[in-house]
Protein backbone atom coordinates (compact mmCIF):
# COMPACT_ATOMS: atom_id res chain seq x y z
CA UNK A 1 21.19 -0.20 0.20
CA UNK A 2 23.39 0.99 -2.65
CA UNK A 3 24.82 4.52 -2.46
CA UNK A 4 26.95 6.81 -4.62
CA UNK A 5 29.50 9.27 -3.20
CA UNK A 6 30.83 10.59 -6.51
CA UNK A 7 31.68 14.31 -6.63
CA UNK A 8 29.56 16.23 -9.15
CA UNK A 9 31.40 19.51 -9.97
CA UNK A 10 28.31 21.01 -11.65
CA UNK A 11 25.83 19.86 -9.01
CA UNK A 12 23.77 22.10 -6.77
CA UNK A 13 20.83 21.68 -4.44
CA UNK A 14 17.43 22.31 -6.00
CA UNK A 15 15.00 24.59 -4.25
CA UNK A 16 15.59 26.84 -1.28
CA UNK A 17 15.97 25.98 2.39
CA UNK A 18 14.22 28.13 4.97
CA UNK A 19 15.56 29.86 8.06
CA UNK A 20 13.82 30.21 11.39
CA UNK A 21 12.04 33.41 10.25
CA UNK A 22 10.86 31.88 6.96
CA UNK A 23 13.56 33.47 4.82
CA UNK A 24 14.54 31.48 1.74
CA UNK A 25 18.21 30.65 1.10
CA UNK A 26 19.30 29.08 -2.19
CA UNK A 27 22.44 27.20 -3.18
CA UNK A 28 24.61 29.74 -4.99
CA UNK A 29 27.64 27.48 -5.26
CA UNK A 30 28.52 24.63 -7.56
CA UNK A 31 29.73 21.18 -6.75
CA UNK A 32 28.23 18.57 -4.46
CA UNK A 33 27.81 14.85 -4.06
CA UNK A 34 24.53 14.77 -5.99
CA UNK A 35 24.20 10.99 -5.98
CA UNK A 36 24.84 10.62 -2.26
CA UNK A 37 22.17 9.82 0.31
CA UNK A 38 23.75 12.36 2.69
CA UNK A 39 24.60 16.07 2.70
CA UNK A 40 28.35 16.75 2.65
CA UNK A 41 28.60 20.46 3.38
CA UNK A 42 30.91 20.97 6.31
CA UNK A 43 30.19 21.33 9.99
CA UNK A 44 27.17 22.89 11.64
CA UNK A 45 28.89 25.73 13.50
CA UNK A 46 26.58 28.72 13.04
CA UNK A 47 23.11 27.82 14.31
CA UNK A 48 21.68 31.05 12.88
CA UNK A 49 22.82 30.19 9.32
CA UNK A 50 19.91 28.44 7.52
CA UNK A 51 22.23 26.70 5.05
CA UNK A 52 24.36 25.17 7.82
CA UNK A 53 21.28 24.14 9.82
CA UNK A 54 19.86 22.17 6.89
CA UNK A 55 23.04 20.91 5.21
CA UNK A 56 25.80 20.87 7.85
CA UNK A 57 27.28 17.93 9.73
CA UNK A 58 25.70 17.18 13.07
CA UNK A 59 28.26 17.28 15.90
CA UNK A 60 31.02 17.54 13.28
CA UNK A 61 30.85 13.83 12.47
CA UNK A 62 27.44 12.87 11.10
CA UNK A 63 26.24 13.99 7.68
CA UNK A 64 22.47 14.25 7.74
CA UNK A 65 20.19 12.39 5.35
CA UNK A 66 19.32 14.01 2.04
CA UNK A 67 15.59 13.75 2.71
CA UNK A 68 14.66 15.99 -0.22
CA UNK A 69 15.78 13.17 -2.54
CA UNK A 70 13.02 10.80 -3.66
CA UNK A 71 15.51 7.92 -3.62
CA UNK A 72 16.34 8.59 0.05
CA UNK A 73 12.66 8.94 0.91
CA UNK A 74 11.94 5.54 -0.67
CA UNK A 75 14.81 3.92 1.26
CA UNK A 76 13.64 5.55 4.50
CA UNK A 77 10.11 4.22 4.02
CA UNK A 78 11.41 0.75 3.13
CA UNK A 79 13.32 0.58 6.43
CA UNK A 80 10.25 1.37 8.56
């Protein structure tokens, strides 16, 4: 499958992510790899931080899939 890892300086994640108590956390920063099929947001170090839980690297090496993207969802379904 084709992918795009181009940095988008104005990009941000749409919609909130939710912590373990249901609290909403939104992306307040700017800049991301909007066209990528993976999240590129640093390591998952703080397991109580909702943003790191949803967007951080797993074990410091694996970026998780950007499952909120329709393009990624379609690719995921096509592989099953």
